[in-house]
């Protein structure tokens, strides 16, 4: 009879909703059904799911995953060769990142100020102080700004690295959501909008839903913020603003 959708979700560490979505878009349709009509997965289905999750972990959008797996000219050995190549590249990237963070930690412990070049080894193009002057001009007299200054004053390079990694993970999931055509008021979009709001609260200052709406508006109307999001995916800024508004409405804000 194979495995139920709940069992497979437990094996793979994904949600039942994710498996339902993969079935709906034809990416992973279970090979069988129980007498009651429930999904049942066999070994071949589990193999395909493993392939899907591997490519998703590396940031491939779902349509590209489907194209890779359904390529009639590919065989299992080709998938293994491709995966080995991708993993080797990712290992090299992570090793370089780890070395940069170790360098920053060592410099911090010795009281050494990092050079601009070394800062970019850790942060890449993201600089947490990039808009510091304008931020102070806009919000310098607010409690939120003061709270943010108090918190970030104690952050180490390792803290900023963790913040950057968490941000990149959030961006990757939202970009995937856009590629899949999720509407701004959809459950996944509003959940990611709420996660975005909570991360601001956790890292910088309390961010009520009303304030979050204001930020969403700024992401669209301020050209620099809009460009930051649009470089990730076309329509990102508008979609996120709408998701933020829809999420705030869920909470009556």
C-alpha atoms as a PDB file:
ATOM      1  CA  UNK A   1       0.000   0.000   0.000  1.00  0.00           C
ATOM      2  CA  UNK A   2       2.982   2.349   0.306  1.00  0.00           C
ATOM      3  CA  UNK A   3       3.210   5.330   2.644  1.00  0.00           C
ATOM      4  CA  UNK A   4       0.638   7.967   3.519  1.00  0.00           C
ATOM      5  CA  UNK A   5       1.191  11.668   2.871  1.00  0.00           C
ATOM      6  CA  UNK A   6       1.664  12.217   6.610  1.00  0.00           C
ATOM      7  CA  UNK A   7       4.329   9.524   6.820  1.00  0.00           C
ATOM      8  CA  UNK A   8       6.207  10.901   3.814  1.00  0.00           C
ATOM      9  CA  UNK A   9       6.037  14.418   5.222  1.00  0.00           C
ATOM     10  CA  UNK A  10       7.611  13.083   8.409  1.00  0.00           C
ATOM     11  CA  UNK A  11      10.336  11.198   6.537  1.00  0.00           C
ATOM     12  CA  UNK A  12      11.305  14.196   4.402  1.00  0.00           C
ATOM     13  CA  UNK A  13      10.863  16.983   6.939  1.00  0.00           C
ATOM     14  CA  UNK A  14       8.317  18.856   4.825  1.00  0.00           C
ATOM     15  CA  UNK A  15       4.709  19.784   5.426  1.00  0.00           C
ATOM     16  CA  UNK A  16       1.690  17.878   4.173  1.00  0.00           C
ATOM     17  CA  UNK A  17       0.659  21.121   2.471  1.00  0.00           C
ATOM     18  CA  UNK A  18       3.908  21.089   0.477  1.00  0.00           C
ATOM     19  CA  UNK A  19       3.266  17.537  -0.740  1.00  0.00           C
ATOM     20  CA  UNK A  20      -0.296  18.462  -1.685  1.00  0.00           C
ATOM     21  CA  UNK A  21       1.071  21.436  -3.643  1.00  0.00           C
ATOM     22  CA  UNK A  22       3.613  19.276  -5.471  1.00  0.00           C
ATOM     23  CA  UNK A  23       0.783  16.920  -6.413  1.00  0.00           C
ATOM     24  CA  UNK A  24      -1.454  19.781  -7.599  1.00  0.00           C
ATOM     25  CA  UNK A  25       1.223  21.159  -9.948  1.00  0.00           C
ATOM     26  CA  UNK A  26       2.211  17.710 -11.225  1.00  0.00           C
ATOM     27  CA  UNK A  27       5.705  17.784  -9.745  1.00  0.00           C
ATOM     28  CA  UNK A  28       5.181  14.759  -7.494  1.00  0.00           C
ATOM     29  CA  UNK A  29       1.977  12.801  -7.902  1.00  0.00           C
ATOM     30  CA  UNK A  30       1.733   9.713  -5.685  1.00  0.00           C
ATOM     31  CA  UNK A  31       1.691   6.444  -7.544  1.00  0.00           C
ATOM     32  CA  UNK A  32      -1.330   5.055  -5.749  1.00  0.00           C
ATOM     33  CA  UNK A  33      -4.416   5.698  -3.687  1.00  0.00           C
ATOM     34  CA  UNK A  34      -5.905   3.834  -0.767  1.00  0.00           C
ATOM     35  CA  UNK A  35      -9.399   2.344  -0.906  1.00  0.00           C
ATOM     36  CA  UNK A  36     -10.577   5.560   0.741  1.00  0.00           C
ATOM     37  CA  UNK A  37      -8.890   7.673  -1.961  1.00  0.00           C
ATOM     38  CA  UNK A  38      -5.960   8.867   0.148  1.00  0.00           C
ATOM     39  CA  UNK A  39      -2.542   9.438  -1.419  1.00  0.00           C
ATOM     40  CA  UNK A  40      -0.071   6.551  -1.152  1.00  0.00           C
ATOM     41  CA  UNK A  41       3.613   6.922  -2.061  1.00  0.00           C
ATOM     42  CA  UNK A  42       5.971   4.147  -3.173  1.00  0.00           C
ATOM     43  CA  UNK A  43       9.784   3.880  -3.318  1.00  0.00           C
ATOM     44  CA  UNK A  44       9.979   5.593  -6.711  1.00  0.00           C
ATOM     45  CA  UNK A  45       7.950   8.518  -5.359  1.00  0.00           C
ATOM     46  CA  UNK A  46      10.334   8.854  -2.433  1.00  0.00           C
ATOM     47  CA  UNK A  47      13.302   8.849  -4.804  1.00  0.00           C
ATOM     48  CA  UNK A  48      11.718  11.647  -6.827  1.00  0.00           C
ATOM     49  CA  UNK A  49      10.934  13.641  -3.695  1.00  0.00           C
ATOM     50  CA  UNK A  50      14.551  13.306  -2.605  1.00  0.00           C
ATOM     51  CA  UNK A  51      15.633  14.748  -5.969  1.00  0.00           C
ATOM     52  CA  UNK A  52      13.123  17.593  -5.684  1.00  0.00           C
ATOM     53  CA  UNK A  53      14.257  18.559  -2.214  1.00  0.00           C
ATOM     54  CA  UNK A  54      17.894  18.441  -3.247  1.00  0.00           C
ATOM     55  CA  UNK A  55      17.381  20.932  -6.079  1.00  0.00           C
ATOM     56  CA  UNK A  56      15.098  23.099  -3.933  1.00  0.00           C
ATOM     57  CA  UNK A  57      17.776  23.226  -1.242  1.00  0.00           C
ATOM     58  CA  UNK A  58      20.134  24.633  -3.855  1.00  0.00           C
ATOM     59  CA  UNK A  59      17.619  27.342  -4.760  1.00  0.00           C
ATOM     60  CA  UNK A  60      16.145  25.967  -7.986  1.00  0.00           C
ATOM     61  CA  UNK A  61      12.578  27.205  -8.677  1.00  0.00           C
ATOM     62  CA  UNK A  62       9.929  24.527  -9.022  1.00  0.00           C
ATOM     63  CA  UNK A  63       9.550  24.886 -12.784  1.00  0.00           C
ATOM     64  CA  UNK A  64      13.269  24.281 -13.288  1.00  0.00           C
ATOM     65  CA  UNK A  65      13.168  21.295 -10.933  1.00  0.00           C
ATOM     66  CA  UNK A  66      10.351  19.807 -12.999  1.00  0.00           C
ATOM     67  CA  UNK A  67      12.277  20.397 -16.236  1.00  0.00           C
ATOM     68  CA  UNK A  68      15.376  18.701 -14.815  1.00  0.00           C
ATOM     69  CA  UNK A  69      13.539  15.667 -13.484  1.00  0.00           C
ATOM     70  CA  UNK A  70      11.301  15.200 -16.512  1.00  0.00           C
ATOM     71  CA  UNK A  71      14.047  15.606 -19.104  1.00  0.00           C
ATOM     72  CA  UNK A  72      13.633  12.490 -21.262  1.00  0.00           C
ATOM     73  CA  UNK A  73      17.314  12.573 -22.155  1.00  0.00           C
ATOM     74  CA  UNK A  74      18.542  12.448 -18.558  1.00  0.00           C
ATOM     75  CA  UNK A  75      19.266   9.296 -16.600  1.00  0.00           C
ATOM     76  CA  UNK A  76      19.950   8.723 -12.881  1.00  0.00           C
ATOM     77  CA  UNK A  77      23.701   8.936 -13.467  1.00  0.00           C
ATOM     78  CA  UNK A  78      23.319  12.358 -15.070  1.00  0.00           C
ATOM     79  CA  UNK A  79      21.399  13.587 -12.017  1.00  0.00           C
ATOM     80  CA  UNK A  80      24.137  12.280  -9.760  1.00  0.00           C
ATOM     81  CA  UNK A  81      26.851  13.984 -11.807  1.00  0.00           C
ATOM     82  CA  UNK A  82      24.940  17.261 -11.761  1.00  0.00           C
ATOM     83  CA  UNK A  83      24.323  17.022  -8.033  1.00  0.00           C
ATOM     84  CA  UNK A  84      27.980  16.264  -7.365  1.00  0.00           C
ATOM     85  CA  UNK A  85      29.023  19.317  -9.375  1.00  0.00           C
ATOM     86  CA  UNK A  86      26.511  21.582  -7.621  1.00  0.00           C
ATOM     87  CA  UNK A  87      27.455  20.289  -4.178  1.00  0.00           C
ATOM     88  CA  UNK A  88      31.149  20.758  -4.875  1.00  0.00           C
ATOM     89  CA  UNK A  89      30.519  24.363  -5.875  1.00  0.00           C
ATOM     90  CA  UNK A  90      28.342  24.972  -2.796  1.00  0.00           C
ATOM     91  CA  UNK A  91      30.955  23.412  -0.482  1.00  0.00           C
ATOM     92  CA  UNK A  92      33.578  25.751  -1.901  1.00  0.00           C
ATOM     93  CA  UNK A  93      31.301  28.746  -1.414  1.00  0.00           C
ATOM     94  CA  UNK A  94      30.485  27.797   2.180  1.00  0.00           C
ATOM     95  CA  UNK A  95      34.159  27.181   2.929  1.00  0.00           C
ATOM     96  CA  UNK A  96      35.038  30.678   1.712  1.00  0.00           C
ATOM     97  CA  UNK A  97      32.240  32.131   3.832  1.00  0.00           C
ATOM     98  CA  UNK A  98      33.409  30.199   6.889  1.00  0.00           C
ATOM     99  CA  UNK A  99      36.964  31.437   6.418  1.00  0.00           C
ATOM    100  CA  UNK A 100      35.725  35.032   6.115  1.00  0.00           C
ATOM    101  CA  UNK A 101      33.678  34.729   9.318  1.00  0.00           C
ATOM    102  CA  UNK A 102      36.613  33.138  11.156  1.00  0.00           C
ATOM    103  CA  UNK A 103      38.783  36.030  10.009  1.00  0.00           C
ATOM    104  CA  UNK A 104      36.207  38.526  11.303  1.00  0.00           C
ATOM    105  CA  UNK A 105      35.916  36.709  14.641  1.00  0.00           C
ATOM    106  CA  UNK A 106      39.683  36.612  15.069  1.00  0.00           C
ATOM    107  CA  UNK A 107      40.004  40.305  14.237  1.00  0.00           C
ATOM    108  CA  UNK A 108      37.190  41.153  16.646  1.00  0.00           C
ATOM    109  CA  UNK A 109      38.812  39.244  19.510  1.00  0.00           C
ATOM    110  CA  UNK A 110      42.112  41.057  18.899  1.00  0.00           C
ATOM    111  CA  UNK A 111      40.488  44.466  18.709  1.00  0.00           C
ATOM    112  CA  UNK A 112      41.319  44.888  15.014  1.00  0.00           C
ATOM    113  CA  UNK A 113      39.030  47.031  12.845  1.00  0.00           C
ATOM    114  CA  UNK A 114      38.211  45.265   9.601  1.00  0.00           C
ATOM    115  CA  UNK A 115      39.017  46.964   6.334  1.00  0.00           C
ATOM    116  CA  UNK A 116      36.216  47.712   3.838  1.00  0.00           C
ATOM    117  CA  UNK A 117      37.417  44.774   1.743  1.00  0.00           C
ATOM    118  CA  UNK A 118      37.173  42.441   4.737  1.00  0.00           C
ATOM    119  CA  UNK A 119      33.697  43.743   5.613  1.00  0.00           C
ATOM    120  CA  UNK A 120      32.530  42.724   2.166  1.00  0.00           C
ATOM    121  CA  UNK A 121      33.962  39.243   2.691  1.00  0.00           C
ATOM    122  CA  UNK A 122      31.369  38.829   5.435  1.00  0.00           C
ATOM    123  CA  UNK A 123      28.476  40.951   4.228  1.00  0.00           C
ATOM    124  CA  UNK A 124      28.827  40.853   0.454  1.00  0.00           C
ATOM    125  CA  UNK A 125      26.787  43.722  -0.957  1.00  0.00           C
ATOM    126  CA  UNK A 126      24.764  44.041   2.221  1.00  0.00           C
ATOM    127  CA  UNK A 127      26.023  46.679   4.633  1.00  0.00           C
ATOM    128  CA  UNK A 128      23.921  47.125   7.791  1.00  0.00           C
ATOM    129  CA  UNK A 129      25.070  50.743   7.972  1.00  0.00           C
ATOM    130  CA  UNK A 130      24.335  51.540   4.339  1.00  0.00           C
ATOM    131  CA  UNK A 131      21.421  53.860   5.054  1.00  0.00           C
ATOM    132  CA  UNK A 132      22.499  54.922   8.528  1.00  0.00           C
ATOM    133  CA  UNK A 133      22.581  58.663   7.786  1.00  0.00           C
ATOM    134  CA  UNK A 134      19.185  58.756   6.115  1.00  0.00           C
ATOM    135  CA  UNK A 135      17.685  56.450   8.731  1.00  0.00           C
ATOM    136  CA  UNK A 136      18.756  58.843  11.464  1.00  0.00           C
ATOM    137  CA  UNK A 137      17.377  61.802   9.518  1.00  0.00           C
ATOM    138  CA  UNK A 138      13.989  60.134   9.016  1.00  0.00           C
ATOM    139  CA  UNK A 139      13.519  58.365  12.321  1.00  0.00           C
ATOM    140  CA  UNK A 140      16.256  59.632  14.649  1.00  0.00           C
ATOM    141  CA  UNK A 141      13.778  61.069  17.130  1.00  0.00           C
ATOM    142  CA  UNK A 142      11.639  57.944  17.398  1.00  0.00           C
ATOM    143  CA  UNK A 143      11.705  55.281  20.099  1.00  0.00           C
ATOM    144  CA  UNK A 144      12.005  52.605  17.410  1.00  0.00           C
ATOM    145  CA  UNK A 145      15.222  54.167  16.143  1.00  0.00           C
ATOM    146  CA  UNK A 146      16.623  54.470  19.667  1.00  0.00           C
ATOM    147  CA  UNK A 147      15.745  50.848  20.407  1.00  0.00           C
ATOM    148  CA  UNK A 148      17.354  49.698  17.170  1.00  0.00           C
ATOM    149  CA  UNK A 149      20.517  51.630  17.999  1.00  0.00           C
ATOM    150  CA  UNK A 150      20.663  50.062  21.461  1.00  0.00           C
ATOM    151  CA  UNK A 151      20.299  46.539  20.109  1.00  0.00           C
ATOM    152  CA  UNK A 152      22.637  46.738  17.135  1.00  0.00           C
ATOM    153  CA  UNK A 153      25.371  48.403  19.200  1.00  0.00           C
ATOM    154  CA  UNK A 154      26.008  45.018  20.790  1.00  0.00           C
ATOM    155  CA  UNK A 155      25.895  42.935  17.603  1.00  0.00           C
ATOM    156  CA  UNK A 156      29.075  41.190  16.561  1.00  0.00           C
ATOM    157  CA  UNK A 157      30.135  40.300  13.046  1.00  0.00           C
ATOM    158  CA  UNK A 158      28.864  36.792  13.736  1.00  0.00           C
ATOM    159  CA  UNK A 159      25.453  38.256  14.645  1.00  0.00           C
ATOM    160  CA  UNK A 160      25.345  40.208  11.390  1.00  0.00           C
ATOM    161  CA  UNK A 161      26.354  37.068   9.502  1.00  0.00           C
ATOM    162  CA  UNK A 162      23.483  35.160  11.086  1.00  0.00           C
ATOM    163  CA  UNK A 163      21.107  38.000  10.234  1.00  0.00           C
ATOM    164  CA  UNK A 164      22.318  37.958   6.640  1.00  0.00           C
ATOM    165  CA  UNK A 165      21.929  34.176   6.348  1.00  0.00           C
ATOM    166  CA  UNK A 166      18.396  34.321   7.775  1.00  0.00           C
ATOM    167  CA  UNK A 167      17.539  37.137   5.377  1.00  0.00           C
ATOM    168  CA  UNK A 168      18.851  35.221   2.371  1.00  0.00           C
ATOM    169  CA  UNK A 169      16.783  32.208   3.379  1.00  0.00           C
ATOM    170  CA  UNK A 170      13.658  34.381   3.630  1.00  0.00           C
ATOM    171  CA  UNK A 171      14.351  35.997   0.245  1.00  0.00           C
ATOM    172  CA  UNK A 172      14.835  32.593  -1.359  1.00  0.00           C
ATOM    173  CA  UNK A 173      11.520  31.314  -0.039  1.00  0.00           C
ATOM    174  CA  UNK A 174       9.656  34.463  -1.086  1.00  0.00           C
ATOM    175  CA  UNK A 175      11.236  34.404  -4.556  1.00  0.00           C
ATOM    176  CA  UNK A 176      10.143  30.776  -4.940  1.00  0.00           C
ATOM    177  CA  UNK A 177       6.650  31.750  -3.878  1.00  0.00           C
ATOM    178  CA  UNK A 178       6.581  34.456  -6.591  1.00  0.00           C
ATOM    179  CA  UNK A 179       7.741  31.968  -9.207  1.00  0.00           C
ATOM    180  CA  UNK A 180       4.913  29.637  -8.213  1.00  0.00           C
ATOM    181  CA  UNK A 181       2.301  32.368  -8.694  1.00  0.00           C
ATOM    182  CA  UNK A 182       1.171  32.611  -5.074  1.00  0.00           C
ATOM    183  CA  UNK A 183      -1.235  35.584  -4.695  1.00  0.00           C
ATOM    184  CA  UNK A 184      -0.285  38.272  -2.132  1.00  0.00           C
ATOM    185  CA  UNK A 185      -3.287  37.395   0.022  1.00  0.00           C
ATOM    186  CA  UNK A 186      -2.487  33.671  -0.102  1.00  0.00           C
ATOM    187  CA  UNK A 187      -1.642  31.789   3.062  1.00  0.00           C
ATOM    188  CA  UNK A 188       2.036  31.312   2.281  1.00  0.00           C
ATOM    189  CA  UNK A 189       2.535  34.944   1.235  1.00  0.00           C
ATOM    190  CA  UNK A 190       0.908  36.343   4.360  1.00  0.00           C
ATOM    191  CA  UNK A 191       2.860  33.909   6.542  1.00  0.00           C
ATOM    192  CA  UNK A 192       6.118  35.131   5.011  1.00  0.00           C
ATOM    193  CA  UNK A 193       4.995  38.741   5.467  1.00  0.00           C
ATOM    194  CA  UNK A 194       4.325  38.016   9.138  1.00  0.00           C
ATOM    195  CA  UNK A 195       7.716  36.337   9.440  1.00  0.00           C
ATOM    196  CA  UNK A 196       9.277  39.479   7.915  1.00  0.00           C
ATOM    197  CA  UNK A 197       7.553  41.655  10.524  1.00  0.00           C
ATOM    198  CA  UNK A 198       8.607  39.391  13.394  1.00  0.00           C
ATOM    199  CA  UNK A 199      12.233  39.425  12.218  1.00  0.00           C
ATOM    200  CA  UNK A 200      12.257  43.228  12.382  1.00  0.00           C
ATOM    201  CA  UNK A 201      10.899  42.979  15.923  1.00  0.00           C
ATOM    202  CA  UNK A 202      13.410  40.304  16.898  1.00  0.00           C
ATOM    203  CA  UNK A 203      16.452  42.010  15.415  1.00  0.00           C
ATOM    204  CA  UNK A 204      15.823  45.750  15.599  1.00  0.00           C
ATOM    205  CA  UNK A 205      12.706  47.189  17.232  1.00  0.00           C
ATOM    206  CA  UNK A 206       9.058  46.497  17.905  1.00  0.00           C
ATOM    207  CA  UNK A 207       7.227  46.574  14.575  1.00  0.00           C
ATOM    208  CA  UNK A 208       3.426  46.640  14.933  1.00  0.00           C
ATOM    209  CA  UNK A 209       1.362  45.787  11.880  1.00  0.00           C
ATOM    210  CA  UNK A 210       0.553  49.454  11.244  1.00  0.00           C
ATOM    211  CA  UNK A 211       4.253  50.272  11.110  1.00  0.00           C
ATOM    212  CA  UNK A 212       4.828  47.265   8.890  1.00  0.00           C
ATOM    213  CA  UNK A 213       2.267  48.658   6.432  1.00  0.00           C
ATOM    214  CA  UNK A 214       4.290  51.896   6.296  1.00  0.00           C
ATOM    215  CA  UNK A 215       7.451  49.943   5.549  1.00  0.00           C
ATOM    216  CA  UNK A 216       5.665  48.040   2.786  1.00  0.00           C
ATOM    217  CA  UNK A 217       4.628  51.322   1.209  1.00  0.00           C
ATOM    218  CA  UNK A 218       8.218  52.576   1.392  1.00  0.00           C
ATOM    219  CA  UNK A 219       9.473  49.441  -0.349  1.00  0.00           C
ATOM    220  CA  UNK A 220       7.404  50.482  -3.373  1.00  0.00           C
ATOM    221  CA  UNK A 221       7.679  54.276  -3.339  1.00  0.00           C
ATOM    222  CA  UNK A 222      11.367  54.619  -2.450  1.00  0.00           C
ATOM    223  CA  UNK A 223      13.297  53.814  -5.614  1.00  0.00           C
ATOM    224  CA  UNK A 224      16.295  52.382  -3.780  1.00  0.00           C
ATOM    225  CA  UNK A 225      14.203  49.936  -1.765  1.00  0.00           C
ATOM    226  CA  UNK A 226      12.133  49.044  -4.823  1.00  0.00           C
ATOM    227  CA  UNK A 227      15.288  48.340  -6.806  1.00  0.00           C
ATOM    228  CA  UNK A 228      16.644  46.190  -3.962  1.00  0.00           C
ATOM    229  CA  UNK A 229      13.582  43.923  -4.147  1.00  0.00           C
ATOM    230  CA  UNK A 230      13.136  44.029  -7.930  1.00  0.00           C
ATOM    231  CA  UNK A 231      16.698  42.784  -8.424  1.00  0.00           C
ATOM    232  CA  UNK A 232      15.555  39.601  -6.703  1.00  0.00           C
ATOM    233  CA  UNK A 233      12.475  39.119  -8.869  1.00  0.00           C
ATOM    234  CA  UNK A 234      10.245  41.356 -11.019  1.00  0.00           C
ATOM    235  CA  UNK A 235       7.183  42.526  -9.098  1.00  0.00           C
ATOM    236  CA  UNK A 236       8.708  41.598  -5.711  1.00  0.00           C
ATOM    237  CA  UNK A 237       8.172  45.021  -4.079  1.00  0.00           C
ATOM    238  CA  UNK A 238       4.520  45.383  -5.103  1.00  0.00           C
ATOM    239  CA  UNK A 239       3.742  41.792  -4.172  1.00  0.00           C
ATOM    240  CA  UNK A 240       5.370  42.136  -0.752  1.00  0.00           C
ATOM    241  CA  UNK A 241       3.531  45.368  -0.008  1.00  0.00           C
ATOM    242  CA  UNK A 242       0.223  43.703  -0.865  1.00  0.00           C
ATOM    243  CA  UNK A 243       1.127  40.664   1.268  1.00  0.00           C
ATOM    244  CA  UNK A 244       2.027  42.940   4.190  1.00  0.00           C
ATOM    245  CA  UNK A 245      -1.321  44.729   3.853  1.00  0.00           C
ATOM    246  CA  UNK A 246      -3.213  41.435   3.649  1.00  0.00           C
ATOM    247  CA  UNK A 247      -1.374  40.082   6.682  1.00  0.00           C
ATOM    248  CA  UNK A 248      -2.057  43.240   8.694  1.00  0.00           C
ATOM    249  CA  UNK A 249      -5.740  42.963   7.810  1.00  0.00           C
ATOM    250  CA  UNK A 250      -5.765  39.420   9.227  1.00  0.00           C
ATOM    251  CA  UNK A 251      -4.799  40.923  12.570  1.00  0.00           C
ATOM    252  CA  UNK A 252      -7.273  43.784  12.312  1.00  0.00           C
ATOM    253  CA  UNK A 253      -4.577  46.427  11.680  1.00  0.00           C
END
